[in-house]
PDB file of N, CA and C in Angstrom:
ATOM      1  N   MET A   1       0.844  -1.181   0.000  1.00  0.00           N
ATOM      2  CA  MET A   1       0.000   0.000   0.000  1.00  0.00           C
ATOM      3  C   MET A   1       0.890   1.246   0.000  1.00  0.00           C
ATOM      4  N   ASP A   2       0.428   2.270  -0.638  1.00  0.00           N
ATOM      5  CA  ASP A   2       1.140   3.543  -0.718  1.00  0.00           C
ATOM      6  C   ASP A   2       1.325   4.112   0.689  1.00  0.00           C
ATOM      7  N   GLN A   3       2.562   4.430   1.050  1.00  0.00           N
ATOM      8  CA  GLN A   3       2.836   4.917   2.399  1.00  0.00           C
ATOM      9  C   GLN A   3       2.220   6.281   2.669  1.00  0.00           C
ATOM     10  N   THR A   4       2.014   7.085   1.637  1.00  0.00           N
ATOM     11  CA  THR A   4       1.343   8.375   1.820  1.00  0.00           C
ATOM     12  C   THR A   4      -0.087   8.156   2.296  1.00  0.00           C
ATOM     13  N   VAL A   5      -0.751   7.153   1.741  1.00  0.00           N
ATOM     14  CA  VAL A   5      -2.115   6.817   2.149  1.00  0.00           C
ATOM     15  C   VAL A   5      -2.107   6.273   3.575  1.00  0.00           C
ATOM     16  N   LEU A   6      -1.133   5.420   3.889  1.00  0.00           N
ATOM     17  CA  LEU A   6      -1.037   4.891   5.254  1.00  0.00           C
ATOM     18  C   LEU A   6      -0.917   6.028   6.265  1.00  0.00           C
ATOM     19  N   VAL A   7      -0.044   6.984   5.972  1.00  0.00           N
ATOM     20  CA  VAL A   7       0.162   8.104   6.892  1.00  0.00           C
ATOM     21  C   VAL A   7      -1.126   8.898   7.058  1.00  0.00           C
ATOM     22  N   SER A   8      -1.763   9.280   5.960  1.00  0.00           N
ATOM     23  CA  SER A   8      -2.976  10.110   6.063  1.00  0.00           C
ATOM     24  C   SER A   8      -4.106   9.363   6.760  1.00  0.00           C
ATOM     25  N   GLN A   9      -4.273   8.079   6.464  1.00  0.00           N
ATOM     26  CA  GLN A   9      -5.327   7.306   7.117  1.00  0.00           C
ATOM     27  C   GLN A   9      -5.024   7.085   8.592  1.00  0.00           C
ATOM     28  N   GLY A  10      -3.770   6.800   8.915  1.00  0.00           N
ATOM     29  CA  GLY A  10      -3.368   6.622  10.311  1.00  0.00           C
ATOM     30  C   GLY A  10      -3.534   7.897  11.119  1.00  0.00           C
ATOM     31  N   GLN A  11      -3.184   9.025  10.528  1.00  0.00           N
ATOM     32  CA  GLN A  11      -3.347  10.304  11.206  1.00  0.00           C
ATOM     33  C   GLN A  11      -4.824  10.634  11.411  1.00  0.00           C
ATOM     34  N   ALA A  12      -5.646  10.370  10.393  1.00  0.00           N
ATOM     35  CA  ALA A  12      -7.083  10.654  10.505  1.00  0.00           C
ATOM     36  C   ALA A  12      -7.722   9.782  11.584  1.00  0.00           C
ATOM     37  N   LEU A  13      -7.379   8.493  11.614  1.00  0.00           N
ATOM     38  CA  LEU A  13      -7.944   7.610  12.639  1.00  0.00           C
ATOM     39  C   LEU A  13      -7.460   8.028  14.029  1.00  0.00           C
ATOM     40  N   THR A  14      -6.203   8.384  14.158  1.00  0.00           N
ATOM     41  CA  THR A  14      -5.682   8.827  15.456  1.00  0.00           C
ATOM     42  C   THR A  14      -6.446  10.046  15.954  1.00  0.00           C
ATOM     43  N   ALA A  15      -6.672  10.997  15.068  1.00  0.00           N
ATOM     44  CA  ALA A  15      -7.427  12.206  15.452  1.00  0.00           C
ATOM     45  C   ALA A  15      -8.835  11.842  15.901  1.00  0.00           C
ATOM     46  N   ARG A  16      -9.478  10.920  15.200  1.00  0.00           N
ATOM     47  CA  ARG A  16     -10.836  10.512  15.576  1.00  0.00           C
ATOM     48  C   ARG A  16     -10.835   9.705  16.875  1.00  0.00           C
ATOM     49  N   LEU A  17      -9.826   8.877  17.087  1.00  0.00           N
ATOM     50  CA  LEU A  17      -9.750   8.104  18.336  1.00  0.00           C
ATOM     51  C   LEU A  17      -9.443   9.001  19.529  1.00  0.00           C
ATOM     52  N   ASP A  18      -8.813  10.152  19.276  1.00  0.00           N
ATOM     53  CA  ASP A  18      -8.588  11.129  20.351  1.00  0.00           C
ATOM     54  C   ASP A  18      -9.909  11.628  20.923  1.00  0.00           C
ATOM     55  N   GLU A  19     -10.973  11.551  20.139  1.00  0.00           N
ATOM     56  CA  GLU A  19     -12.299  11.995  20.568  1.00  0.00           C
ATOM     57  C   GLU A  19     -13.036  10.913  21.352  1.00  0.00           C
ATOM     58  N   THR A  20     -12.442   9.733  21.486  1.00  0.00           N
ATOM     59  CA  THR A  20     -13.063   8.615  22.193  1.00  0.00           C
ATOM     60  C   THR A  20     -12.300   8.324  23.478  1.00  0.00           C
ATOM     61  N   LYS A  21     -12.760   7.322  24.167  1.00  0.00           N
ATOM     62  CA  LYS A  21     -12.112   6.867  25.394  1.00  0.00           C
ATOM     63  C   LYS A  21     -10.718   6.291  25.119  1.00  0.00           C
ATOM     64  N   ILE A  22     -10.457   5.862  23.881  1.00  0.00           N
ATOM     65  CA  ILE A  22      -9.182   5.235  23.542  1.00  0.00           C
ATOM     66  C   ILE A  22      -8.020   6.207  23.668  1.00  0.00           C
ATOM     67  N   LYS A  23      -8.175   7.429  23.191  1.00  0.00           N
ATOM     68  CA  LYS A  23      -7.113   8.446  23.241  1.00  0.00           C
ATOM     69  C   LYS A  23      -5.728   7.801  23.145  1.00  0.00           C
ATOM     70  N   PRO A  24      -5.327   7.340  21.970  1.00  0.00           N
ATOM     71  CA  PRO A  24      -4.097   6.541  21.829  1.00  0.00           C
ATOM     72  C   PRO A  24      -2.841   7.234  22.338  1.00  0.00           C
ATOM     73  N   ARG A  25      -2.038   6.462  23.052  1.00  0.00           N
ATOM     74  CA  ARG A  25      -0.736   6.943  23.522  1.00  0.00           C
ATOM     75  C   ARG A  25       0.337   6.662  22.485  1.00  0.00           C
ATOM     76  N   ALA A  26       0.133   5.636  21.694  1.00  0.00           N
ATOM     77  CA  ALA A  26       1.084   5.293  20.631  1.00  0.00           C
ATOM     78  C   ALA A  26       0.319   4.697  19.460  1.00  0.00           C
ATOM     79  N   VAL A  27       0.704   5.102  18.251  1.00  0.00           N
ATOM     80  CA  VAL A  27       0.101   4.585  17.023  1.00  0.00           C
ATOM     81  C   VAL A  27       1.221   4.447  16.006  1.00  0.00           C
ATOM     82  N   MET A  28       1.336   3.255  15.418  1.00  0.00           N
ATOM     83  CA  MET A  28       2.331   3.104  14.357  1.00  0.00           C
ATOM     84  C   MET A  28       1.952   1.978  13.414  1.00  0.00           C
ATOM     85  N   TRP A  29       2.217   2.234  12.149  1.00  0.00           N
ATOM     86  CA  TRP A  29       2.046   1.211  11.125  1.00  0.00           C
ATOM     87  C   TRP A  29       3.256   0.299  11.165  1.00  0.00           C
ATOM     88  N   VAL A  30       3.030  -1.011  11.119  1.00  0.00           N
ATOM     89  CA  VAL A  30       4.115  -1.985  11.107  1.00  0.00           C
ATOM     90  C   VAL A  30       3.903  -2.904   9.912  1.00  0.00           C
ATOM     91  N   HIS A  31       4.938  -3.038   9.090  1.00  0.00           N
ATOM     92  CA  HIS A  31       4.873  -3.893   7.911  1.00  0.00           C
ATOM     93  C   HIS A  31       5.138  -5.336   8.306  1.00  0.00           C
ATOM     94  N   GLN A  32       4.292  -6.234   7.818  1.00  0.00           N
ATOM     95  CA  GLN A  32       4.446  -7.667   8.046  1.00  0.00           C
ATOM     96  C   GLN A  32       4.990  -8.273   6.748  1.00  0.00           C
ATOM     97  N   PRO A  33       6.299  -8.493   6.641  1.00  0.00           N
ATOM     98  CA  PRO A  33       6.874  -8.942   5.372  1.00  0.00           C
ATOM     99  C   PRO A  33       6.397 -10.326   4.929  1.00  0.00           C
ATOM    100  N   ASP A  34       6.049 -11.201   5.875  1.00  0.00           N
ATOM    101  CA  ASP A  34       5.598 -12.546   5.516  1.00  0.00           C
ATOM    102  C   ASP A  34       4.332 -12.510   4.667  1.00  0.00           C
ATOM    103  N   THR A  35       3.442 -11.571   4.976  1.00  0.00           N
ATOM    104  CA  THR A  35       2.179 -11.459   4.244  1.00  0.00           C
ATOM    105  C   THR A  35       2.108 -10.208   3.390  1.00  0.00           C
ATOM    106  N   ASP A  36       3.156  -9.393   3.434  1.00  0.00           N
ATOM    107  CA  ASP A  36       3.228  -8.118   2.722  1.00  0.00           C
ATOM    108  C   ASP A  36       2.009  -7.243   3.027  1.00  0.00           C
ATOM    109  N   THR A  37       1.689  -7.158   4.322  1.00  0.00           N
ATOM    110  CA  THR A  37       0.568  -6.327   4.764  1.00  0.00           C
ATOM    111  C   THR A  37       1.057  -5.348   5.824  1.00  0.00           C
ATOM    112  N   TRP A  38       0.261  -4.320   6.041  1.00  0.00           N
ATOM    113  CA  TRP A  38       0.532  -3.324   7.070  1.00  0.00           C
ATOM    114  C   TRP A  38      -0.529  -3.433   8.148  1.00  0.00           C
ATOM    115  N   ARG A  39      -0.105  -3.375   9.405  1.00  0.00           N
ATOM    116  CA  ARG A  39      -1.014  -3.388  10.553  1.00  0.00           C
ATOM    117  C   ARG A  39      -0.805  -2.089  11.327  1.00  0.00           C
ATOM    118  N   LEU A  40      -1.906  -1.508  11.788  1.00  0.00           N
ATOM    119  CA  LEU A  40      -1.835  -0.284  12.573  1.00  0.00           C
ATOM    120  C   LEU A  40      -1.869  -0.656  14.050  1.00  0.00           C
ATOM    121  N   TRP A  41      -0.699  -0.613  14.682  1.00  0.00           N
ATOM    122  CA  TRP A  41      -0.593  -0.924  16.101  1.00  0.00           C
ATOM    123  C   TRP A  41      -1.045   0.297  16.887  1.00  0.00           C
ATOM    124  N   ILE A  42      -1.944   0.064  17.836  1.00  0.00           N
ATOM    125  CA  ILE A  42      -2.461   1.153  18.659  1.00  0.00           C
ATOM    126  C   ILE A  42      -2.339   0.771  20.127  1.00  0.00           C
ATOM    127  N   CYS A  43      -1.704   1.639  20.886  1.00  0.00           N
ATOM    128  CA  CYS A  43      -1.606   1.478  22.330  1.00  0.00           C
ATOM    129  C   CYS A  43      -2.569   2.497  22.942  1.00  0.00           C
ATOM    130  N   PRO A  44      -3.694   2.023  23.481  1.00  0.00           N
ATOM    131  CA  PRO A  44      -4.701   2.963  23.984  1.00  0.00           C
ATOM    132  C   PRO A  44      -4.336   3.575  25.327  1.00  0.00           C
ATOM    133  N   ASN A  45      -5.129   4.560  25.698  1.00  0.00           N
ATOM    134  CA  ASN A  45      -5.070   5.197  27.006  1.00  0.00           C
ATOM    135  C   ASN A  45      -5.148   4.107  28.075  1.00  0.00           C
ATOM    136  N   LYS A  46      -4.600   4.371  29.239  1.00  0.00           N
ATOM    137  CA  LYS A  46      -4.591   3.386  30.331  1.00  0.00           C
ATOM    138  C   LYS A  46      -5.992   2.945  30.739  1.00  0.00           C
ATOM    139  N   GLU A  47      -7.010   3.783  30.487  1.00  0.00           N
ATOM    140  CA  GLU A  47      -8.391   3.436  30.843  1.00  0.00           C
ATOM    141  C   GLU A  47      -8.906   2.225  30.074  1.00  0.00           C
ATOM    142  N   VAL A  48      -8.411   2.026  28.877  1.00  0.00           N
ATOM    143  CA  VAL A  48      -8.913   0.955  28.008  1.00  0.00           C
ATOM    144  C   VAL A  48      -7.934  -0.209  28.070  1.00  0.00           C
ATOM    145  N   ASP A  49      -8.302  -1.226  28.867  1.00  0.00           N
ATOM    146  CA  ASP A  49      -7.451  -2.406  28.962  1.00  0.00           C
ATOM    147  C   ASP A  49      -8.168  -3.678  28.510  1.00  0.00           C
ATOM    148  N   ASP A  50      -9.416  -3.546  28.112  1.00  0.00           N
ATOM    149  CA  ASP A  50     -10.183  -4.674  27.611  1.00  0.00           C
ATOM    150  C   ASP A  50     -10.141  -4.650  26.082  1.00  0.00           C
ATOM    151  N   LYS A  51      -9.578  -5.709  25.484  1.00  0.00           N
ATOM    152  CA  LYS A  51      -9.426  -5.747  24.033  1.00  0.00           C
ATOM    153  C   LYS A  51     -10.764  -5.704  23.309  1.00  0.00           C
ATOM    154  N   ARG A  52     -11.791  -6.332  23.861  1.00  0.00           N
ATOM    155  CA  ARG A  52     -13.117  -6.305  23.209  1.00  0.00           C
ATOM    156  C   ARG A  52     -13.653  -4.885  23.131  1.00  0.00           C
ATOM    157  N   GLU A  53     -13.509  -4.143  24.222  1.00  0.00           N
ATOM    158  CA  GLU A  53     -13.955  -2.755  24.226  1.00  0.00           C
ATOM    159  C   GLU A  53     -13.137  -1.937  23.226  1.00  0.00           C
ATOM    160  N   PHE A  54     -11.826  -2.171  23.195  1.00  0.00           N
ATOM    161  CA  PHE A  54     -10.951  -1.472  22.263  1.00  0.00           C
ATOM    162  C   PHE A  54     -11.419  -1.680  20.824  1.00  0.00           C
ATOM    163  N   TYR A  55     -11.580  -2.928  20.419  1.00  0.00           N
ATOM    164  CA  TYR A  55     -11.971  -3.210  19.032  1.00  0.00           C
ATOM    165  C   TYR A  55     -13.375  -2.701  18.724  1.00  0.00           C
ATOM    166  N   ARG A  56     -14.262  -2.739  19.706  1.00  0.00           N
ATOM    167  CA  ARG A  56     -15.614  -2.201  19.496  1.00  0.00           C
ATOM    168  C   ARG A  56     -15.550  -0.703  19.233  1.00  0.00           C
ATOM    169  N   LEU A  57     -14.778   0.017  20.041  1.00  0.00           N
ATOM    170  CA  LEU A  57     -14.655   1.464  19.875  1.00  0.00           C
ATOM    171  C   LEU A  57     -13.971   1.825  18.550  1.00  0.00           C
ATOM    172  N   VAL A  58     -12.966   1.071  18.165  1.00  0.00           N
ATOM    173  CA  VAL A  58     -12.290   1.318  16.886  1.00  0.00           C
ATOM    174  C   VAL A  58     -13.269   1.081  15.737  1.00  0.00           C
ATOM    175  N   ALA A  59     -14.011  -0.025  15.798  1.00  0.00           N
ATOM    176  CA  ALA A  59     -14.979  -0.332  14.735  1.00  0.00           C
ATOM    177  C   ALA A  59     -16.053   0.752  14.648  1.00  0.00           C
ATOM    178  N   GLU A  60     -16.553   1.202  15.787  1.00  0.00           N
ATOM    179  CA  GLU A  60     -17.569   2.265  15.792  1.00  0.00           C
ATOM    180  C   GLU A  60     -17.013   3.558  15.204  1.00  0.00           C
ATOM    181  N   THR A  61     -15.779   3.885  15.550  1.00  0.00           N
ATOM    182  CA  THR A  61     -15.156   5.117  15.055  1.00  0.00           C
ATOM    183  C   THR A  61     -14.959   5.053  13.542  1.00  0.00           C
ATOM    184  N   ILE A  62     -14.460   3.938  13.048  1.00  0.00           N
ATOM    185  CA  ILE A  62     -14.252   3.785  11.603  1.00  0.00           C
ATOM    186  C   ILE A  62     -15.587   3.837  10.866  1.00  0.00           C
ATOM    187  N   SER A  63     -16.593   3.190  11.415  1.00  0.00           N
ATOM    188  CA  SER A  63     -17.917   3.193  10.786  1.00  0.00           C
ATOM    189  C   SER A  63     -18.523   4.597  10.776  1.00  0.00           C
ATOM    190  N   LYS A  64     -18.419   5.285  11.894  1.00  0.00           N
ATOM    191  CA  LYS A  64     -18.998   6.624  12.023  1.00  0.00           C
ATOM    192  C   LYS A  64     -18.325   7.626  11.072  1.00  0.00           C
ATOM    193  N   HIS A  65     -17.048   7.440  10.804  1.00  0.00           N
ATOM    194  CA  HIS A  65     -16.284   8.376   9.965  1.00  0.00           C
ATOM    195  C   HIS A  65     -15.791   7.691   8.694  1.00  0.00           C
ATOM    196  N   SER A  66     -16.613   6.805   8.155  1.00  0.00           N
ATOM    197  CA  SER A  66     -16.208   6.012   6.988  1.00  0.00           C
ATOM    198  C   SER A  66     -15.870   6.872   5.769  1.00  0.00           C
ATOM    199  N   HIS A  67     -16.469   8.050   5.672  1.00  0.00           N
ATOM    200  CA  HIS A  67     -16.195   8.929   4.532  1.00  0.00           C
ATOM    201  C   HIS A  67     -14.736   9.391   4.499  1.00  0.00           C
ATOM    202  N   GLU A  68     -14.101   9.547   5.667  1.00  0.00           N
ATOM    203  CA  GLU A  68     -12.704   9.972   5.683  1.00  0.00           C
ATOM    204  C   GLU A  68     -11.740   8.836   5.998  1.00  0.00           C
ATOM    205  N   LEU A  69     -12.270   7.692   6.414  1.00  0.00           N
ATOM    206  CA  LEU A  69     -11.438   6.539   6.753  1.00  0.00           C
ATOM    207  C   LEU A  69     -11.747   5.360   5.833  1.00  0.00           C
ATOM    208  N   SER A  70     -11.991   5.656   4.572  1.00  0.00           N
ATOM    209  CA  SER A  70     -12.475   4.648   3.624  1.00  0.00           C
ATOM    210  C   SER A  70     -11.506   3.497   3.401  1.00  0.00           C
ATOM    211  N   GLY A  71     -10.224   3.698   3.604  1.00  0.00           N
ATOM    212  CA  GLY A  71      -9.261   2.630   3.361  1.00  0.00           C
ATOM    213  C   GLY A  71      -9.004   1.744   4.561  1.00  0.00           C
ATOM    214  N   LEU A  72      -9.660   2.013   5.671  1.00  0.00           N
ATOM    215  CA  LEU A  72      -9.398   1.272   6.905  1.00  0.00           C
ATOM    216  C   LEU A  72     -10.576   0.408   7.318  1.00  0.00           C
ATOM    217  N   ASP A  73     -10.251  -0.676   8.011  1.00  0.00           N
ATOM    218  CA  ASP A  73     -11.274  -1.436   8.712  1.00  0.00           C
ATOM    219  C   ASP A  73     -10.654  -1.932  10.008  1.00  0.00           C
ATOM    220  N   VAL A  74     -11.473  -2.398  10.903  1.00  0.00           N
ATOM    221  CA  VAL A  74     -10.978  -2.793  12.226  1.00  0.00           C
ATOM    222  C   VAL A  74      -9.945  -3.913  12.121  1.00  0.00           C
ATOM    223  N   GLY A  75     -10.005  -4.709  11.063  1.00  0.00           N
ATOM    224  CA  GLY A  75      -9.055  -5.797  10.866  1.00  0.00           C
ATOM    225  C   GLY A  75      -7.638  -5.333  10.571  1.00  0.00           C
ATOM    226  N   THR A  76      -7.459  -4.084  10.197  1.00  0.00           N
ATOM    227  CA  THR A  76      -6.109  -3.560   9.946  1.00  0.00           C
ATOM    228  C   THR A  76      -5.470  -3.018  11.217  1.00  0.00           C
ATOM    229  N   THR A  77      -6.235  -2.962  12.307  1.00  0.00           N
ATOM    230  CA  THR A  77      -5.718  -2.428  13.566  1.00  0.00           C
ATOM    231  C   THR A  77      -5.351  -3.556  14.514  1.00  0.00           C
ATOM    232  N   GLU A  78      -4.495  -3.249  15.449  1.00  0.00           N
ATOM    233  CA  GLU A  78      -4.090  -4.233  16.448  1.00  0.00           C
ATOM    234  C   GLU A  78      -3.851  -3.554  17.785  1.00  0.00           C
ATOM    235  N   TYR A  79      -4.501  -4.066  18.818  1.00  0.00           N
ATOM    236  CA  TYR A  79      -4.284  -3.603  20.192  1.00  0.00           C
ATOM    237  C   TYR A  79      -2.885  -4.036  20.603  1.00  0.00           C
ATOM    238  N   VAL A  80      -2.078  -3.090  21.048  1.00  0.00           N
ATOM    239  CA  VAL A  80      -0.735  -3.412  21.522  1.00  0.00           C
ATOM    240  C   VAL A  80      -0.552  -2.732  22.875  1.00  0.00           C
ATOM    241  N   ALA A  81      -0.179  -3.520  23.865  1.00  0.00           N
ATOM    242  CA  ALA A  81       0.001  -2.999  25.220  1.00  0.00           C
ATOM    243  C   ALA A  81       1.259  -2.135  25.306  1.00  0.00           C
ATOM    244  N   ALA A  82       1.246  -1.191  26.227  1.00  0.00           N
ATOM    245  CA  ALA A  82       2.396  -0.296  26.427  1.00  0.00           C
ATOM    246  C   ALA A  82       3.643  -1.068  26.844  1.00  0.00           C
ATOM    247  N   GLY A  83       3.463  -2.242  27.412  1.00  0.00           N
ATOM    248  CA  GLY A  83       4.593  -3.054  27.849  1.00  0.00           C
ATOM    249  C   GLY A  83       5.209  -3.915  26.765  1.00  0.00           C
ATOM    250  N   HIS A  84       4.650  -3.881  25.553  1.00  0.00           N
ATOM    251  CA  HIS A  84       5.217  -4.658  24.441  1.00  0.00           C
ATOM    252  C   HIS A  84       6.666  -4.204  24.230  1.00  0.00           C
ATOM    253  N   PRO A  85       7.613  -5.137  24.028  1.00  0.00           N
ATOM    254  CA  PRO A  85       9.022  -4.749  23.895  1.00  0.00           C
ATOM    255  C   PRO A  85       9.279  -3.674  22.839  1.00  0.00           C
ATOM    256  N   ALA A  86       8.596  -3.750  21.718  1.00  0.00           N
ATOM    257  CA  ALA A  86       8.792  -2.744  20.666  1.00  0.00           C
ATOM    258  C   ALA A  86       8.293  -1.376  21.120  1.00  0.00           C
ATOM    259  N   MET A  87       7.168  -1.355  21.823  1.00  0.00           N
ATOM    260  CA  MET A  87       6.622  -0.082  22.311  1.00  0.00           C
ATOM    261  C   MET A  87       7.524   0.528  23.375  1.00  0.00           C
ATOM    262  N   VAL A  88       8.034  -0.291  24.271  1.00  0.00           N
ATOM    263  CA  VAL A  88       8.935   0.208  25.317  1.00  0.00           C
ATOM    264  C   VAL A  88      10.186   0.806  24.680  1.00  0.00           C
ATOM    265  N   GLY A  89      10.779   0.068  23.747  1.00  0.00           N
ATOM    266  CA  GLY A  89      11.989   0.548  23.087  1.00  0.00           C
ATOM    267  C   GLY A  89      11.752   1.792  22.259  1.00  0.00           C
ATOM    268  N   MET A  90      10.666   1.786  21.485  1.00  0.00           N
ATOM    269  CA  MET A  90      10.353   2.936  20.642  1.00  0.00           C
ATOM    270  C   MET A  90      10.033   4.153  21.507  1.00  0.00           C
ATOM    271  N   GLY A  91       9.345   3.930  22.642  1.00  0.00           N
ATOM    272  CA  GLY A  91       9.006   5.021  23.546  1.00  0.00           C
ATOM    273  C   GLY A  91      10.227   5.695  24.150  1.00  0.00           C
ATOM    274  N   ARG A  92      11.304   4.932  24.312  1.00  0.00           N
ATOM    275  CA  ARG A  92      12.562   5.504  24.819  1.00  0.00           C
ATOM    276  C   ARG A  92      13.309   6.264  23.731  1.00  0.00           C
ATOM    277  N   PHE A  93      13.109   5.840  22.511  1.00  0.00           N
ATOM    278  CA  PHE A  93      13.844   6.383  21.370  1.00  0.00           C
ATOM    279  C   PHE A  93      13.199   7.626  20.776  1.00  0.00           C
ATOM    280  N   LEU A  94      11.869   7.681  20.793  1.00  0.00           N
ATOM    281  CA  LEU A  94      11.149   8.734  20.084  1.00  0.00           C
ATOM    282  C   LEU A  94      10.003   9.273  20.930  1.00  0.00           C
ATOM    283  N   LYS A  95       9.885  10.579  21.004  1.00  0.00           N
ATOM    284  CA  LYS A  95       8.751  11.234  21.668  1.00  0.00           C
ATOM    285  C   LYS A  95       8.023  12.070  20.625  1.00  0.00           C
ATOM    286  N   MET A  96       6.760  11.746  20.421  1.00  0.00           N
ATOM    287  CA  MET A  96       5.926  12.480  19.481  1.00  0.00           C
ATOM    288  C   MET A  96       4.509  12.502  20.057  1.00  0.00           C
ATOM    289  N   PRO A  97       4.218  13.430  20.982  1.00  0.00           N
ATOM    290  CA  PRO A  97       2.911  13.452  21.632  1.00  0.00           C
ATOM    291  C   PRO A  97       1.762  13.882  20.721  1.00  0.00           C
ATOM    292  N   GLY A  98       2.066  14.627  19.695  1.00  0.00           N
ATOM    293  CA  GLY A  98       1.027  15.042  18.755  1.00  0.00           C
ATOM    294  C   GLY A  98       0.860  14.004  17.663  1.00  0.00           C
ATOM    295  N   ILE A  99       0.265  14.417  16.571  1.00  0.00           N
ATOM    296  CA  ILE A  99       0.102  13.540  15.418  1.00  0.00           C
ATOM    297  C   ILE A  99       1.146  13.947  14.394  1.00  0.00           C
ATOM    298  N   GLY A 100       1.956  12.994  13.982  1.00  0.00           N
ATOM    299  CA  GLY A 100       3.015  13.285  13.034  1.00  0.00           C
ATOM    300  C   GLY A 100       3.304  12.098  12.152  1.00  0.00           C
ATOM    301  N   SER A 101       4.545  11.998  11.715  1.00  0.00           N
ATOM    302  CA  SER A 101       4.952  10.901  10.849  1.00  0.00           C
ATOM    303  C   SER A 101       6.460  10.738  10.943  1.00  0.00           C
ATOM    304  N   ALA A 102       6.899   9.558  11.338  1.00  0.00           N
ATOM    305  CA  ALA A 102       8.325   9.236  11.389  1.00  0.00           C
ATOM    306  C   ALA A 102       8.504   7.820  10.859  1.00  0.00           C
ATOM    307  N   HIS A 103       9.288   7.677   9.819  1.00  0.00           N
ATOM    308  CA  HIS A 103       9.506   6.373   9.190  1.00  0.00           C
ATOM    309  C   HIS A 103      10.739   5.706   9.794  1.00  0.00           C
ATOM    310  N   PHE A 104      10.688   4.384   9.922  1.00  0.00           N
ATOM    311  CA  PHE A 104      11.853   3.632  10.370  1.00  0.00           C
ATOM    312  C   PHE A 104      11.938   2.347   9.559  1.00  0.00           C
ATOM    313  N   SER A 105      13.138   1.803   9.496  1.00  0.00           N
ATOM    314  CA  SER A 105      13.344   0.595   8.710  1.00  0.00           C
ATOM    315  C   SER A 105      14.461  -0.234   9.327  1.00  0.00           C
ATOM    316  N   GLY A 106      14.197  -1.524   9.493  1.00  0.00           N
ATOM    317  CA  GLY A 106      15.207  -2.467   9.957  1.00  0.00           C
ATOM    318  C   GLY A 106      15.772  -2.166  11.324  1.00  0.00           C
ATOM    319  N   ASN A 107      14.905  -1.974  12.307  1.00  0.00           N
ATOM    320  CA  ASN A 107      15.353  -1.663  13.667  1.00  0.00           C
ATOM    321  C   ASN A 107      14.961  -2.761  14.649  1.00  0.00           C
ATOM    322  N   ARG A 108      15.760  -2.873  15.680  1.00  0.00           N
ATOM    323  CA  ARG A 108      15.484  -3.809  16.770  1.00  0.00           C
ATOM    324  C   ARG A 108      15.299  -2.988  18.034  1.00  0.00           C
ATOM    325  N   PHE A 109      14.157  -3.170  18.692  1.00  0.00           N
ATOM    326  CA  PHE A 109      13.851  -2.475  19.929  1.00  0.00           C
ATOM    327  C   PHE A 109      13.616  -3.523  21.009  1.00  0.00           C
ATOM    328  N   ASN A 110      14.437  -3.490  22.063  1.00  0.00           N
ATOM    329  CA  ASN A 110      14.332  -4.470  23.150  1.00  0.00           C
ATOM    330  C   ASN A 110      14.327  -5.894  22.620  1.00  0.00           C
ATOM    331  N   ASN A 111      15.174  -6.149  21.664  1.00  0.00           N
ATOM    332  CA  ASN A 111      15.319  -7.473  21.051  1.00  0.00           C
ATOM    333  C   ASN A 111      14.098  -7.891  20.226  1.00  0.00           C
ATOM    334  N   PHE A 112      13.251  -6.937  19.844  1.00  0.00           N
ATOM    335  CA  PHE A 112      12.099  -7.203  18.977  1.00  0.00           C
ATOM    336  C   PHE A 112      12.369  -6.501  17.655  1.00  0.00           C
ATOM    337  N   TYR A 113      12.401  -7.268  16.575  1.00  0.00           N
ATOM    338  CA  TYR A 113      12.739  -6.711  15.265  1.00  0.00           C
ATOM    339  C   TYR A 113      11.497  -6.135  14.589  1.00  0.00           C
ATOM    340  N   LEU A 114      11.611  -4.894  14.155  1.00  0.00           N
ATOM    341  CA  LEU A 114      10.566  -4.238  13.369  1.00  0.00           C
ATOM    342  C   LEU A 114      11.164  -3.916  12.001  1.00  0.00           C
ATOM    343  N   PRO A 115      10.720  -4.616  10.957  1.00  0.00           N
ATOM    344  CA  PRO A 115      11.330  -4.428   9.643  1.00  0.00           C
ATOM    345  C   PRO A 115      11.100  -3.033   9.049  1.00  0.00           C
ATOM    346  N   ASP A 116       9.875  -2.598   8.993  1.00  0.00           N
ATOM    347  CA  ASP A 116       9.517  -1.283   8.449  1.00  0.00           C
ATOM    348  C   ASP A 116       8.318  -0.757   9.210  1.00  0.00           C
ATOM    349  N   GLY A 117       8.277   0.549   9.381  1.00  0.00           N
ATOM    350  CA  GLY A 117       7.136   1.129  10.076  1.00  0.00           C
ATOM    351  C   GLY A 117       7.056   2.629   9.922  1.00  0.00           C
ATOM    352  N   ILE A 118       5.917   3.127  10.344  1.00  0.00           N
ATOM    353  CA  ILE A 118       5.662   4.561  10.318  1.00  0.00           C
ATOM    354  C   ILE A 118       4.984   4.926  11.638  1.00  0.00           C
ATOM    355  N   VAL A 119       5.660   5.730  12.421  1.00  0.00           N
ATOM    356  CA  VAL A 119       5.105   6.168  13.706  1.00  0.00           C
ATOM    357  C   VAL A 119       4.208   7.368  13.449  1.00  0.00           C
ATOM    358  N   ILE A 120       2.986   7.290  13.966  1.00  0.00           N
ATOM    359  CA  ILE A 120       2.016   8.394  13.878  1.00  0.00           C
ATOM    360  C   ILE A 120       2.007   9.173  15.190  1.00  0.00           C
ATOM    361  N   ARG A 121       2.130   8.456  16.289  1.00  0.00           N
ATOM    362  CA  ARG A 121       2.232   9.067  17.628  1.00  0.00           C
ATOM    363  C   ARG A 121       3.041   8.137  18.516  1.00  0.00           C
ATOM    364  N   MET A 122       3.871   8.727  19.373  1.00  0.00           N
ATOM    365  CA  MET A 122       4.596   7.937  20.367  1.00  0.00           C
ATOM    366  C   MET A 122       4.709   8.799  21.608  1.00  0.00           C
ATOM    367  N   ASP A 123       3.855   8.514  22.581  1.00  0.00           N
ATOM    368  CA  ASP A 123       3.823   9.294  23.813  1.00  0.00           C
ATOM    369  C   ASP A 123       3.731   8.360  25.014  1.00  0.00           C
ATOM    370  N   LEU A 124       4.729   7.489  25.121  1.00  0.00           N
ATOM    371  CA  LEU A 124       4.759   6.532  26.227  1.00  0.00           C
ATOM    372  C   LEU A 124       5.789   6.957  27.262  1.00  0.00           C
TER     373      LEU A 124
END
């Protein structure tokens, strides 16, 4: 998928999730080379620790704003806890409390390899 589209869609979803209980602390696209797909990893606010609630809120947000989030569905997102090794490592390396875009390639964070990615927010 075109990375420009990934960035714009990820930024739009992050802005919309800021209006919900999720209020993401970290959002980043991660490329899965085995399947050649991109997954949007989202680390929600500390209030949201139930994965079912997380996915329900994401699905509702995407549905409610489908006109601007047309390329996304809940299946492209993934709940990732703040304690995930990649999130811990990335949180030490990069601070981006707002909505932005930072590309990375071929990095290892806390012994977890991330081949390619695009950080939309990192505020851990």
